[in-house]
N, C-alpha and C. Protein backbone atom coordinates (compact mmCIF):
# COMPACT_ATOMS: atom_id res chain seq x y z
N MET A 1 121.74 202.91 -21.51
CA MET A 1 120.39 202.94 -21.81
C MET A 1 119.70 201.56 -21.72
N ALA A 2 118.72 201.28 -21.35
CA ALA A 2 117.94 200.47 -21.34
C ALA A 2 117.63 199.55 -22.62
N MET A 3 117.41 198.47 -23.09
CA MET A 3 117.14 198.19 -24.28
C MET A 3 115.87 198.53 -24.88
N GLN A 4 115.36 198.85 -26.47
CA GLN A 4 113.89 199.10 -26.22
C GLN A 4 113.45 198.10 -27.55
N THR A 5 112.35 197.60 -27.96
CA THR A 5 111.54 197.20 -28.54
C THR A 5 111.46 197.93 -29.46
N GLY A 6 111.55 197.67 -31.08
CA GLY A 6 111.23 197.97 -32.28
C GLY A 6 109.47 198.08 -32.46
N PRO A 7 108.56 198.98 -32.68
CA PRO A 7 107.09 199.04 -32.70
C PRO A 7 106.70 198.37 -33.93
N ASN A 8 107.60 198.08 -34.99
CA ASN A 8 106.52 197.19 -35.74
C ASN A 8 106.75 195.50 -36.45
N MET A 9 108.48 195.47 -35.89
CA MET A 9 109.01 193.98 -36.27
C MET A 9 109.20 193.31 -34.94
N GLY A 10 109.89 194.38 -33.93
CA GLY A 10 110.15 193.99 -32.81
C GLY A 10 111.09 193.68 -32.25
N VAL A 11 112.05 194.11 -33.60
CA VAL A 11 113.76 193.96 -33.05
C VAL A 11 114.18 194.88 -31.90
N HIS A 12 115.49 194.39 -31.55
CA HIS A 12 115.70 194.64 -30.37
C HIS A 12 116.77 195.88 -30.25
N TYR A 13 117.19 197.02 -30.15
CA TYR A 13 118.09 197.79 -30.42
C TYR A 13 118.24 199.03 -29.15
N ASN A 14 119.32 199.39 -28.92
CA ASN A 14 119.00 200.57 -27.96
C ASN A 14 120.17 200.13 -26.67
N TRP A 15 120.72 198.95 -26.77
CA TRP A 15 121.06 198.16 -25.93
C TRP A 15 122.55 199.03 -25.38
N ASP A 16 123.61 198.76 -24.08
CA ASP A 16 124.36 198.52 -24.26
C ASP A 16 125.44 197.59 -24.57
N LEU A 17 126.34 197.31 -25.21
CA LEU A 17 127.52 196.81 -25.34
C LEU A 17 127.74 195.99 -24.15
N GLY A 18 127.35 194.51 -24.08
CA GLY A 18 127.85 194.16 -23.31
C GLY A 18 127.22 192.84 -22.75
N SER A 19 127.22 192.02 -21.94
CA SER A 19 126.82 190.29 -21.99
C SER A 19 125.29 190.11 -22.81
N TYR A 20 124.36 190.67 -23.20
CA TYR A 20 123.63 190.67 -23.76
C TYR A 20 123.20 190.93 -25.27
N PHE A 21 124.41 191.78 -25.75
CA PHE A 21 124.33 192.07 -27.00
C PHE A 21 124.43 190.58 -27.51
N LYS A 22 124.92 189.93 -27.82
CA LYS A 22 125.37 188.39 -28.79
C LYS A 22 123.58 187.76 -28.94
N ASP A 23 123.01 188.04 -27.36
CA ASP A 23 121.77 187.39 -27.31
C ASP A 23 120.26 188.27 -28.13
N ASP A 24 120.38 189.19 -28.00
CA ASP A 24 119.75 190.50 -28.57
C ASP A 24 119.83 190.48 -30.09
N MET A 25 121.01 190.37 -30.68
CA MET A 25 121.63 190.18 -31.89
C MET A 25 121.31 189.10 -32.52
N ASP A 26 121.53 187.91 -32.09
CA ASP A 26 120.55 186.60 -32.24
C ASP A 26 119.37 186.55 -32.66
N TYR A 27 118.89 186.79 -31.78
CA TYR A 27 117.33 187.07 -31.76
C TYR A 27 116.56 188.51 -32.75
N ASN A 28 117.48 189.39 -33.08
CA ASN A 28 117.26 190.13 -34.35
C ASN A 28 116.97 189.58 -35.55
N LEU A 29 118.07 189.01 -35.74
CA LEU A 29 118.59 188.13 -36.74
C LEU A 29 117.82 186.99 -37.20
N LYS A 30 117.64 186.25 -36.26
CA LYS A 30 116.08 185.47 -36.65
C LYS A 30 115.11 185.98 -36.92
N LEU A 31 114.90 186.82 -35.87
CA LEU A 31 113.13 187.47 -36.13
C LEU A 31 113.50 187.65 -37.82
N ILE A 32 114.01 188.88 -38.36
CA ILE A 32 114.53 188.93 -40.05
C ILE A 32 114.31 187.75 -40.24
N ASP A 33 115.08 187.08 -40.17
CA ASP A 33 114.88 185.87 -41.05
C ASP A 33 113.72 185.09 -41.37
N ALA A 34 112.60 185.02 -40.06
CA ALA A 34 111.70 184.42 -39.88
C ALA A 34 110.24 185.64 -40.90
N ILE A 35 110.44 186.63 -40.70
CA ILE A 35 109.40 187.35 -41.04
C ILE A 35 109.85 187.81 -42.55
N ASN A 36 110.93 188.60 -42.75
CA ASN A 36 111.03 188.99 -44.02
C ASN A 36 110.93 187.57 -44.83
N GLN A 37 110.17 188.45 -46.19
CA GLN A 37 110.12 187.70 -47.42
C GLN A 37 109.27 186.37 -46.85
N LEU A 38 108.03 186.64 -45.95
CA LEU A 38 107.54 185.87 -45.56
C LEU A 38 106.89 184.56 -46.37
N GLY A 39 107.52 183.70 -46.56
CA GLY A 39 106.41 183.07 -47.33
C GLY A 39 106.35 181.28 -46.44
N VAL A 40 105.12 181.11 -46.50
CA VAL A 40 104.40 179.83 -45.60
C VAL A 40 103.97 179.51 -46.21
N ILE A 41 103.93 177.71 -45.28
CA ILE A 41 103.77 176.84 -45.65
C ILE A 41 101.72 176.80 -46.07
N SER A 42 101.40 177.36 -44.67
CA SER A 42 99.81 177.52 -44.82
C SER A 42 99.70 178.63 -43.89
N LEU A 43 98.26 178.71 -43.95
CA LEU A 43 97.72 179.64 -43.08
C LEU A 43 96.38 178.93 -42.39
N SER A 44 96.52 177.79 -42.74
CA SER A 44 94.86 177.08 -42.16
C SER A 44 95.39 175.67 -41.37
N GLU A 45 96.49 175.63 -41.63
CA GLU A 45 96.96 174.25 -40.95
C GLU A 45 96.75 174.36 -39.13
N THR A 46 95.85 173.19 -38.22
CA THR A 46 95.82 173.35 -37.05
C THR A 46 96.70 172.40 -36.50
N ALA A 47 97.39 171.50 -37.23
CA ALA A 47 98.33 170.40 -36.43
C ALA A 47 99.20 170.63 -36.45
N GLN A 48 100.15 170.88 -35.52
CA GLN A 48 101.49 170.94 -35.67
C GLN A 48 102.53 169.33 -36.11
N PRO A 49 103.27 169.66 -37.18
CA PRO A 49 103.60 168.25 -38.11
C PRO A 49 105.18 168.08 -36.92
N GLY A 50 104.83 166.86 -37.11
CA GLY A 50 105.59 165.83 -36.04
C GLY A 50 107.07 165.72 -36.35
N SER A 51 107.62 166.54 -37.78
CA SER A 51 108.74 166.15 -38.45
C SER A 51 108.89 167.75 -39.24
N PRO A 52 108.92 168.92 -38.74
CA PRO A 52 109.48 170.00 -39.50
C PRO A 52 110.66 170.24 -40.12
N SER A 53 110.64 170.97 -41.08
CA SER A 53 112.41 171.09 -41.58
C SER A 53 112.55 172.61 -40.99
N GLU A 54 113.88 172.58 -40.65
CA GLU A 54 114.54 174.18 -40.46
C GLU A 54 113.78 175.16 -41.53
N GLY A 55 113.48 176.23 -40.86
CA GLY A 55 113.11 177.66 -41.74
C GLY A 55 111.70 176.87 -41.91
N ASP A 56 111.00 175.95 -41.23
CA ASP A 56 109.09 175.66 -41.95
C ASP A 56 108.93 176.86 -41.53
N ARG A 57 107.68 177.64 -41.94
CA ARG A 57 106.91 178.84 -41.23
C ARG A 57 105.56 178.50 -41.41
N TYR A 58 104.63 178.79 -40.63
CA TYR A 58 103.33 178.99 -40.88
C TYR A 58 102.56 179.80 -40.34
N ILE A 59 101.40 180.29 -40.58
CA ILE A 59 100.49 181.43 -39.69
C ILE A 59 99.39 180.26 -39.23
N LEU A 60 99.95 180.49 -37.72
CA LEU A 60 98.51 179.73 -37.32
C LEU A 60 97.15 179.91 -37.35
N PRO A 61 96.10 179.35 -37.24
CA PRO A 61 94.81 180.24 -37.03
C PRO A 61 94.50 180.43 -35.98
N ALA A 62 93.11 181.15 -35.29
CA ALA A 62 92.60 181.36 -33.90
C ALA A 62 92.57 180.59 -33.33
N ALA A 63 92.04 179.24 -33.85
CA ALA A 63 91.60 178.28 -32.78
C ALA A 63 91.67 176.92 -33.40
N GLY A 64 91.86 175.75 -32.50
CA GLY A 64 91.77 174.37 -33.14
C GLY A 64 93.04 173.85 -33.18
N LEU A 65 94.51 174.46 -32.31
CA LEU A 65 95.65 173.93 -32.57
C LEU A 65 95.60 173.00 -31.70
N THR A 66 96.99 171.90 -31.95
CA THR A 66 96.73 170.35 -31.47
C THR A 66 98.44 170.27 -31.53
N GLY A 67 99.27 169.23 -30.85
CA GLY A 67 100.41 169.45 -30.21
C GLY A 67 101.00 169.68 -29.33
N SER A 68 102.24 169.86 -29.04
CA SER A 68 102.89 170.09 -27.96
C SER A 68 103.46 171.48 -27.89
N ASP A 69 103.43 172.31 -29.02
CA ASP A 69 103.87 173.46 -28.92
C ASP A 69 103.14 174.66 -29.41
N TRP A 70 102.40 174.39 -30.44
CA TRP A 70 101.52 175.18 -30.74
C TRP A 70 100.61 175.69 -29.86
N PRO A 71 99.57 174.83 -29.67
CA PRO A 71 98.73 175.30 -28.51
C PRO A 71 98.93 176.40 -27.75
N GLY A 72 97.78 177.53 -27.48
CA GLY A 72 98.54 178.84 -26.95
C GLY A 72 99.37 179.80 -27.32
N ASN A 73 99.49 179.59 -28.64
CA ASN A 73 99.92 180.30 -29.71
C ASN A 73 99.40 180.55 -31.15
N GLU A 74 98.14 180.68 -30.55
CA GLU A 74 96.69 180.83 -32.01
C GLU A 74 97.40 182.29 -32.55
N ASP A 75 96.72 182.36 -33.92
CA ASP A 75 97.04 183.45 -34.75
C ASP A 75 98.31 184.47 -34.70
N THR A 76 99.58 183.51 -34.60
CA THR A 76 101.07 183.89 -34.71
C THR A 76 101.23 183.15 -35.96
N VAL A 77 102.58 183.57 -36.16
CA VAL A 77 103.45 183.08 -37.35
C VAL A 77 104.32 182.50 -36.21
N ALA A 78 104.62 181.22 -37.19
CA ALA A 78 104.91 179.90 -36.09
C ALA A 78 106.25 179.49 -37.39
N VAL A 79 107.51 179.73 -36.85
CA VAL A 79 108.69 178.84 -37.44
C VAL A 79 109.66 178.26 -36.94
N PHE A 80 109.96 177.04 -37.72
CA PHE A 80 110.67 176.19 -36.99
C PHE A 80 112.01 176.40 -37.03
N ILE A 81 112.80 177.05 -35.89
CA ILE A 81 114.33 177.24 -36.18
C ILE A 81 115.59 177.18 -35.12
N GLY A 82 116.42 176.81 -35.44
CA GLY A 82 117.05 175.82 -34.15
C GLY A 82 116.22 174.80 -33.62
N GLY A 83 115.61 174.34 -34.48
CA GLY A 83 115.30 172.73 -33.33
C GLY A 83 114.20 173.16 -32.90
N VAL A 84 113.61 174.31 -32.79
CA VAL A 84 112.24 174.83 -31.77
C VAL A 84 111.38 175.60 -32.51
N TRP A 85 110.27 175.24 -32.20
CA TRP A 85 108.85 176.96 -32.86
C TRP A 85 109.30 177.85 -32.05
N GLU A 86 109.45 178.74 -32.47
CA GLU A 86 109.66 180.20 -32.56
C GLU A 86 107.80 180.92 -32.85
N PHE A 87 107.33 181.57 -32.01
CA PHE A 87 106.20 182.77 -32.29
C PHE A 87 106.37 183.66 -32.28
N HIS A 88 105.73 184.76 -33.56
CA HIS A 88 106.23 186.13 -33.55
C HIS A 88 103.85 186.64 -33.48
N THR A 89 104.09 187.83 -33.12
CA THR A 89 102.64 188.29 -33.27
C THR A 89 102.38 189.00 -34.75
N PRO A 90 101.70 188.90 -35.53
CA PRO A 90 101.98 189.51 -36.74
C PRO A 90 101.00 191.03 -36.47
N LYS A 91 101.50 192.32 -37.06
CA LYS A 91 100.80 193.16 -37.22
C LYS A 91 99.85 193.60 -38.23
N ALA A 92 99.03 194.70 -38.49
CA ALA A 92 98.52 195.10 -39.32
C ALA A 92 99.18 195.64 -40.47
N GLY A 93 99.15 194.75 -42.10
CA GLY A 93 100.05 195.74 -42.98
C GLY A 93 101.11 194.46 -43.43
N TRP A 94 101.15 193.21 -42.29
CA TRP A 94 102.24 192.43 -42.61
C TRP A 94 101.49 192.02 -44.05
N GLN A 95 102.75 190.99 -44.95
CA GLN A 95 102.21 190.54 -46.14
C GLN A 95 102.97 189.61 -45.84
N ALA A 96 102.27 188.38 -46.65
CA ALA A 96 102.68 186.82 -46.79
C ALA A 96 102.38 186.04 -47.89
N PHE A 97 103.11 185.54 -48.02
CA PHE A 97 102.62 184.10 -49.60
C PHE A 97 102.43 182.97 -48.98
N ASP A 98 101.26 182.86 -49.35
CA ASP A 98 101.01 181.08 -48.99
C ASP A 98 101.02 180.08 -50.24
N LEU A 99 102.46 179.54 -49.54
CA LEU A 99 102.94 178.59 -50.72
C LEU A 99 101.67 177.11 -50.79
N GLY A 100 100.96 177.41 -50.23
CA GLY A 100 100.18 176.24 -50.43
C GLY A 100 99.04 176.27 -52.01
N THR A 101 98.60 177.69 -51.64
CA THR A 101 97.35 178.22 -52.36
C THR A 101 97.61 179.21 -53.56
N GLY A 102 99.30 179.94 -53.43
CA GLY A 102 99.73 180.18 -54.73
C GLY A 102 99.25 181.69 -54.57
N LEU A 103 98.76 182.18 -52.98
CA LEU A 103 98.14 183.28 -53.12
C LEU A 103 98.77 184.32 -51.98
N PRO A 104 99.16 185.37 -52.55
CA PRO A 104 99.68 186.40 -51.55
C PRO A 104 98.46 186.50 -50.57
N SER A 105 98.57 187.23 -49.40
CA SER A 105 97.70 187.31 -48.33
C SER A 105 98.32 188.40 -47.58
N TRP A 106 97.71 189.74 -46.79
CA TRP A 106 97.63 190.25 -46.03
C TRP A 106 96.97 190.41 -44.60
N ARG A 107 97.61 191.45 -43.36
CA ARG A 107 97.31 191.10 -42.30
C ARG A 107 96.08 192.58 -42.48
N ASN A 108 94.79 192.50 -42.29
CA ASN A 108 93.90 193.64 -42.48
C ASN A 108 93.40 193.50 -41.23
N GLY A 109 93.93 194.51 -40.07
CA GLY A 109 93.14 194.73 -38.88
C GLY A 109 93.68 193.71 -37.77
N ASP A 110 92.88 192.61 -37.27
CA ASP A 110 93.25 191.41 -36.66
C ASP A 110 92.76 190.08 -37.46
N VAL A 111 92.64 190.36 -39.06
CA VAL A 111 92.99 188.88 -39.91
C VAL A 111 93.41 188.59 -41.11
N TRP A 112 94.18 187.85 -41.44
CA TRP A 112 94.77 187.71 -42.87
C TRP A 112 93.68 187.55 -43.45
N VAL A 113 93.82 188.24 -45.09
CA VAL A 113 93.09 188.39 -46.07
C VAL A 113 93.72 187.82 -47.32
N SER A 114 93.91 186.51 -47.90
CA SER A 114 94.05 186.44 -49.07
C SER A 114 93.57 187.22 -50.26
N ALA A 115 94.20 187.35 -51.23
CA ALA A 115 93.80 187.83 -52.52
C ALA A 115 93.32 186.73 -53.44
N SER A 116 92.70 187.41 -54.33
CA SER A 116 91.45 186.41 -55.15
C SER A 116 92.44 186.43 -56.26
N THR A 117 92.56 185.49 -57.07
CA THR A 117 93.67 185.40 -58.36
C THR A 117 92.20 185.23 -59.49
N SER A 118 92.11 185.17 -60.90
CA SER A 118 91.42 185.21 -62.26
C SER A 118 91.67 183.23 -61.77
N GLY A 119 90.69 182.42 -61.54
CA GLY A 119 90.22 181.17 -61.81
C GLY A 119 90.47 180.30 -60.43
N THR A 120 90.70 181.36 -59.45
CA THR A 120 90.68 180.75 -58.19
C THR A 120 89.78 180.36 -57.44
N ILE A 121 89.22 179.03 -56.96
CA ILE A 121 88.30 178.66 -56.52
C ILE A 121 87.83 177.79 -55.28
N VAL A 122 87.64 178.47 -54.54
CA VAL A 122 87.53 177.54 -52.71
C VAL A 122 86.49 176.63 -52.89
N ASP A 123 86.49 175.10 -52.86
CA ASP A 123 85.42 174.43 -52.81
C ASP A 123 85.16 173.84 -51.71
N LEU A 124 84.03 173.87 -51.04
CA LEU A 124 82.83 173.79 -49.80
C LEU A 124 82.37 172.31 -50.03
N ALA A 125 82.39 172.28 -48.57
CA ALA A 125 81.31 171.17 -48.04
C ALA A 125 79.98 171.22 -48.90
N LEU A 126 79.98 169.81 -49.08
CA LEU A 126 78.67 169.48 -50.30
C LEU A 126 77.46 169.96 -49.23
N THR A 127 77.27 169.82 -48.12
CA THR A 127 76.61 168.96 -47.14
C THR A 127 76.70 169.97 -45.77
N GLY A 128 75.69 170.70 -44.81
CA GLY A 128 75.74 170.85 -43.73
C GLY A 128 75.96 172.08 -43.33
N ALA A 129 76.51 172.97 -42.32
CA ALA A 129 76.95 174.05 -41.93
C ALA A 129 78.45 174.52 -42.86
N THR A 130 78.16 175.73 -43.70
CA THR A 130 79.35 175.63 -44.56
C THR A 130 79.94 177.23 -44.33
N PRO A 131 80.86 177.59 -43.84
CA PRO A 131 81.35 178.80 -43.84
C PRO A 131 82.62 179.22 -45.24
N MET A 132 81.93 180.57 -45.65
CA MET A 132 82.83 180.75 -46.44
C MET A 132 84.50 181.77 -45.76
N ASP A 133 85.14 180.97 -45.72
CA ASP A 133 86.50 181.64 -44.74
C ASP A 133 87.08 182.63 -46.11
N ILE A 134 87.04 183.95 -46.00
CA ILE A 134 87.26 184.96 -46.80
C ILE A 134 88.91 184.88 -46.69
N SER A 135 89.36 184.75 -45.69
CA SER A 135 90.74 184.66 -45.55
C SER A 135 91.44 183.85 -46.58
N LEU A 136 90.23 182.83 -47.12
CA LEU A 136 91.28 181.83 -48.20
C LEU A 136 91.08 182.28 -49.87
N GLY A 137 90.11 183.18 -50.01
CA GLY A 137 90.23 183.90 -51.16
C GLY A 137 88.88 184.52 -51.48
N ARG A 138 88.29 184.71 -52.49
CA ARG A 138 87.12 185.34 -53.16
C ARG A 138 86.23 184.35 -53.55
N ASN A 139 86.47 183.78 -54.27
CA ASN A 139 85.82 182.50 -55.33
C ASN A 139 85.45 181.18 -54.42
N PHE A 140 83.79 180.92 -53.88
CA PHE A 140 83.63 179.88 -53.49
C PHE A 140 82.33 179.30 -54.39
N ARG A 141 82.39 177.80 -53.77
CA ARG A 141 81.79 177.03 -54.86
C ARG A 141 80.85 175.90 -54.25
N THR A 142 79.83 175.53 -54.28
CA THR A 142 79.54 174.23 -53.85
C THR A 142 79.53 173.43 -54.93
N ASN A 143 79.75 172.43 -55.06
CA ASN A 143 80.30 172.08 -56.65
C ASN A 143 79.72 170.18 -56.86
N GLY A 144 78.29 170.45 -56.74
CA GLY A 144 77.27 169.04 -56.47
C GLY A 144 76.74 168.98 -55.12
N ALA A 145 75.45 169.80 -54.37
CA ALA A 145 75.46 169.45 -53.13
C ALA A 145 74.85 167.96 -53.08
N THR A 146 75.30 167.43 -51.80
CA THR A 146 74.97 165.95 -51.59
C THR A 146 73.49 166.04 -50.50
N GLY A 147 73.49 167.55 -50.08
CA GLY A 147 72.11 167.47 -48.94
C GLY A 147 72.30 169.22 -48.51
N ASP A 148 71.40 169.46 -47.82
CA ASP A 148 71.25 170.61 -47.56
C ASP A 148 72.10 171.57 -47.07
N VAL A 149 72.70 172.58 -47.85
CA VAL A 149 73.68 173.86 -47.12
C VAL A 149 73.65 175.19 -46.96
N THR A 150 74.17 175.54 -45.49
CA THR A 150 73.74 176.51 -44.92
C THR A 150 74.95 177.43 -45.05
N LEU A 151 75.13 178.54 -45.55
CA LEU A 151 76.19 179.20 -46.02
C LEU A 151 76.25 180.27 -44.66
N SER A 152 77.67 180.46 -44.31
CA SER A 152 77.98 181.70 -43.57
C SER A 152 78.98 182.29 -44.33
N PHE A 153 79.71 183.41 -43.49
CA PHE A 153 80.79 183.99 -43.48
C PHE A 153 81.72 184.07 -42.47
N THR A 154 83.16 183.94 -42.15
CA THR A 154 84.10 183.95 -41.36
C THR A 154 85.10 184.81 -42.19
N ASN A 155 86.09 184.92 -41.25
CA ASN A 155 86.92 186.01 -41.46
C ASN A 155 86.81 187.32 -42.43
N ILE A 156 85.67 188.13 -42.09
CA ILE A 156 85.05 189.14 -42.80
C ILE A 156 86.35 190.23 -42.65
N PRO A 157 87.25 191.05 -43.82
CA PRO A 157 87.73 191.94 -43.98
C PRO A 157 86.91 193.38 -42.99
N THR A 158 88.11 194.40 -42.33
CA THR A 158 87.45 195.42 -42.01
C THR A 158 87.69 196.74 -42.95
N GLY A 159 86.81 197.31 -42.63
CA GLY A 159 87.56 198.94 -43.06
C GLY A 159 87.89 198.87 -45.13
N VAL A 160 87.41 197.66 -45.61
CA VAL A 160 87.47 197.55 -46.89
C VAL A 160 86.54 197.38 -47.69
N ARG A 161 86.20 197.77 -48.89
CA ARG A 161 85.26 196.65 -49.74
C ARG A 161 85.48 195.61 -50.37
N THR A 162 85.01 194.50 -50.13
CA THR A 162 85.70 193.42 -50.65
C THR A 162 84.18 192.81 -51.65
N GLU A 163 84.80 192.22 -52.42
CA GLU A 163 83.34 191.16 -53.00
C GLU A 163 83.64 190.08 -52.96
N VAL A 164 83.02 188.85 -53.31
CA VAL A 164 82.77 187.39 -52.52
C VAL A 164 81.63 186.65 -53.97
N ALA A 165 82.16 185.98 -54.88
CA ALA A 165 81.05 185.31 -55.63
C ALA A 165 81.23 183.84 -54.80
N TYR A 166 80.17 183.48 -55.42
CA TYR A 166 79.52 182.11 -54.69
C TYR A 166 78.62 181.56 -56.06
N THR A 167 79.33 179.81 -56.05
CA THR A 167 78.65 179.15 -57.17
C THR A 167 77.96 177.89 -56.46
N TRP A 168 76.78 178.10 -56.86
CA TRP A 168 75.82 176.79 -56.41
C TRP A 168 75.63 175.67 -57.17
N VAL A 169 75.59 174.57 -57.05
CA VAL A 169 75.85 173.49 -58.08
C VAL A 169 75.22 172.37 -57.33
N GLU A 170 73.69 171.93 -58.12
CA GLU A 170 73.33 170.69 -57.50
C GLU A 170 73.69 169.43 -57.82
N ASN A 171 73.72 168.58 -57.12
CA ASN A 171 73.81 167.40 -57.83
C ASN A 171 72.91 166.58 -58.41
N ALA A 172 73.28 165.61 -59.39
CA ALA A 172 71.91 164.91 -60.20
C ALA A 172 70.93 164.69 -59.91
N VAL A 173 70.70 164.24 -58.46
CA VAL A 173 69.71 164.13 -57.72
C VAL A 173 68.72 165.30 -57.39
N GLY A 174 69.43 166.33 -56.97
CA GLY A 174 68.30 167.45 -56.67
C GLY A 174 67.63 167.54 -55.34
N GLY A 175 67.09 168.77 -55.29
CA GLY A 175 66.07 168.60 -54.27
C GLY A 175 66.68 169.51 -52.97
N HIS A 176 67.72 169.45 -53.03
CA HIS A 176 68.64 170.09 -51.98
C HIS A 176 68.36 171.50 -51.68
N ASN A 177 68.10 172.25 -50.58
CA ASN A 177 68.10 173.51 -50.22
C ASN A 177 69.48 174.08 -49.84
N LEU A 178 69.63 174.94 -50.16
CA LEU A 178 70.44 176.20 -50.10
C LEU A 178 70.15 177.41 -49.20
N ILE A 179 70.70 177.37 -48.02
CA ILE A 179 70.09 178.32 -47.13
C ILE A 179 71.29 179.66 -46.70
N LEU A 180 71.06 180.32 -47.71
CA LEU A 180 72.13 181.86 -47.97
C LEU A 180 72.44 182.12 -46.65
N PRO A 181 73.42 183.12 -46.71
CA PRO A 181 73.49 183.68 -45.34
C PRO A 181 73.03 185.08 -44.80
N VAL A 182 72.99 184.73 -43.64
CA VAL A 182 71.93 185.77 -42.71
C VAL A 182 72.50 187.09 -42.73
N GLY A 183 71.95 188.15 -42.33
CA GLY A 183 72.36 189.38 -42.32
C GLY A 183 72.89 190.33 -43.08
N CYS A 184 72.72 189.79 -44.53
CA CYS A 184 72.63 190.33 -46.02
C CYS A 184 71.52 191.44 -46.18
N LEU A 185 71.45 192.47 -47.09
CA LEU A 185 70.61 193.20 -48.09
C LEU A 185 70.64 192.77 -49.04
N TRP A 186 69.39 192.46 -49.63
CA TRP A 186 68.74 192.21 -50.83
C TRP A 186 68.36 192.92 -51.75
N PRO A 187 68.03 192.76 -52.98
CA PRO A 187 67.80 194.09 -53.49
C PRO A 187 65.80 194.10 -53.35
N GLY A 188 65.26 195.24 -53.01
CA GLY A 188 64.43 194.80 -52.66
C GLY A 188 63.74 194.24 -51.31
N GLY A 189 64.46 194.05 -50.37
CA GLY A 189 63.98 193.44 -49.31
C GLY A 189 63.95 191.94 -49.28
N VAL A 190 63.97 191.37 -50.81
CA VAL A 190 63.38 190.18 -51.23
C VAL A 190 64.53 188.83 -51.21
N VAL A 191 65.00 188.00 -50.30
CA VAL A 191 65.69 187.42 -50.24
C VAL A 191 65.54 186.49 -51.56
N ALA A 192 66.85 186.05 -51.85
CA ALA A 192 66.90 184.88 -53.53
C ALA A 192 66.22 183.37 -52.70
N THR A 193 65.40 183.01 -53.82
CA THR A 193 65.33 181.60 -53.59
C THR A 193 66.50 180.50 -54.48
N PRO A 194 67.72 180.43 -53.82
CA PRO A 194 68.20 179.24 -54.89
C PRO A 194 67.41 178.54 -55.72
N THR A 195 68.05 177.91 -56.93
CA THR A 195 67.54 176.50 -57.37
C THR A 195 67.62 175.27 -57.25
N SER A 196 66.80 174.53 -57.14
CA SER A 196 66.94 173.05 -56.18
C SER A 196 66.65 172.05 -57.25
N THR A 197 66.72 172.23 -58.89
CA THR A 197 66.76 171.14 -59.39
C THR A 197 67.74 170.50 -59.58
N SER A 198 67.77 169.16 -60.23
CA SER A 198 68.84 168.44 -60.85
C SER A 198 69.81 169.09 -61.81
N ASN A 199 71.01 169.30 -61.27
CA ASN A 199 71.81 169.83 -61.99
C ASN A 199 71.94 171.52 -62.15
N ALA A 200 70.82 171.80 -61.00
CA ALA A 200 70.69 173.55 -60.91
C ALA A 200 72.18 173.87 -60.88
N ARG A 201 72.37 175.09 -61.34
CA ARG A 201 73.18 175.87 -61.15
C ARG A 201 72.78 177.30 -61.16
N ASP A 202 73.37 178.13 -60.21
CA ASP A 202 73.54 179.56 -59.92
C ASP A 202 74.64 180.23 -59.36
N GLU A 203 74.52 181.68 -59.97
CA GLU A 203 75.58 182.52 -59.49
C GLU A 203 75.26 183.67 -58.49
N TYR A 204 75.77 183.70 -57.11
CA TYR A 204 75.71 185.02 -56.09
C TYR A 204 76.89 185.82 -56.39
N LEU A 205 76.56 187.03 -55.83
CA LEU A 205 77.95 188.09 -55.54
C LEU A 205 77.78 188.63 -54.66
N PHE A 206 78.44 188.49 -53.21
CA PHE A 206 78.35 189.21 -51.97
C PHE A 206 79.33 190.71 -51.76
N ILE A 207 78.85 191.53 -51.65
CA ILE A 207 80.15 192.50 -51.48
C ILE A 207 79.30 193.31 -49.87
N PHE A 208 80.65 193.53 -49.18
CA PHE A 208 81.16 193.71 -48.02
C PHE A 208 81.52 195.21 -48.17
N ASP A 209 80.76 196.28 -47.74
CA ASP A 209 81.41 197.80 -47.60
C ASP A 209 82.31 198.00 -46.52
N ASP A 210 83.10 199.17 -46.49
CA ASP A 210 83.91 199.24 -45.32
C ASP A 210 83.38 199.07 -43.81
N ALA A 211 81.57 199.68 -43.76
CA ALA A 211 81.20 200.07 -42.54
C ALA A 211 80.78 198.04 -42.42
N GLY A 212 80.86 197.46 -42.55
CA GLY A 212 80.39 196.03 -41.99
C GLY A 212 78.77 195.42 -43.02
N VAL A 213 78.43 196.60 -43.70
CA VAL A 213 77.56 196.33 -44.71
C VAL A 213 77.33 194.94 -45.80
N ILE A 214 76.81 194.27 -45.89
CA ILE A 214 76.79 193.18 -46.89
C ILE A 214 75.47 193.11 -47.87
N THR A 215 75.91 193.51 -48.86
CA THR A 215 74.59 193.46 -49.73
C THR A 215 74.64 192.23 -50.52
N ALA A 216 73.38 191.34 -51.25
CA ALA A 216 73.42 190.48 -51.55
C ALA A 216 72.67 190.04 -52.94
N ASN A 217 73.49 189.86 -54.08
CA ASN A 217 73.00 190.16 -54.96
C ASN A 217 72.90 188.58 -56.04
N VAL A 218 72.07 188.78 -56.81
CA VAL A 218 71.86 187.21 -57.89
C VAL A 218 72.51 187.58 -59.60
N VAL A 219 73.51 187.01 -59.60
CA VAL A 219 73.59 187.04 -60.92
C VAL A 219 73.11 186.40 -62.21
N GLY A 220 72.52 185.23 -61.78
CA GLY A 220 71.66 184.40 -62.21
C GLY A 220 71.59 183.21 -62.00
N GLN A 221 70.40 182.62 -62.09
CA GLN A 221 69.99 181.74 -61.39
C GLN A 221 69.34 180.32 -62.58
N GLY A 222 69.39 179.33 -62.06
CA GLY A 222 68.97 178.00 -62.77
C GLY A 222 69.68 178.21 -64.41
N TYR A 223 70.85 178.01 -64.76
CA TYR A 223 71.72 177.82 -65.80
C TYR A 223 71.39 176.61 -66.44
N ALA A 224 71.54 176.77 -67.68
CA ALA A 224 71.00 175.38 -68.36
C ALA A 224 72.17 175.31 -69.77
């Protein structure tokens, strides 16, 4: 009977015992070793490491990969085993633990989403176009803006309610503009005007519903 591939992890089964048994069994065992208890070094690394250790695992981003083996394998789980890189396509519901951030992550549709934990803050660039990558967490901060900042969202989870907190902090000079993300619904239809004075501090909360609607809320402004 022809060998078949499992629909979840992709293990091979139902083959005739013969010359391919060892190859397929080795494949299954390496796959289980790679995916089971999935602790990864990073979910955001784009540069293929030059001297990986046996068993190193990464969840590769969807773009920007460099190196001799990683490009062309975007959005996969990469594992270094037997001296070579192998790549596995994740499925919805897979879970992983990011050893770099200490955060658990799960595959929600076609994106990885990291769980936020109390006190875990992702610091953003202090000037320019600044995406809040929701796969990295739920709490973001511009900690002392040095220029105008334009916020946006990337890797928005689909089909679930998600809350994202954002803190805007001016530097001691002040006078910088915060351009809030487009496409949000604000109370009364009025977009908030961020504070731009020296050392200003504002707090915002963005809520994504399961249909992709984003509501934006001012928690407080001009804290002193």
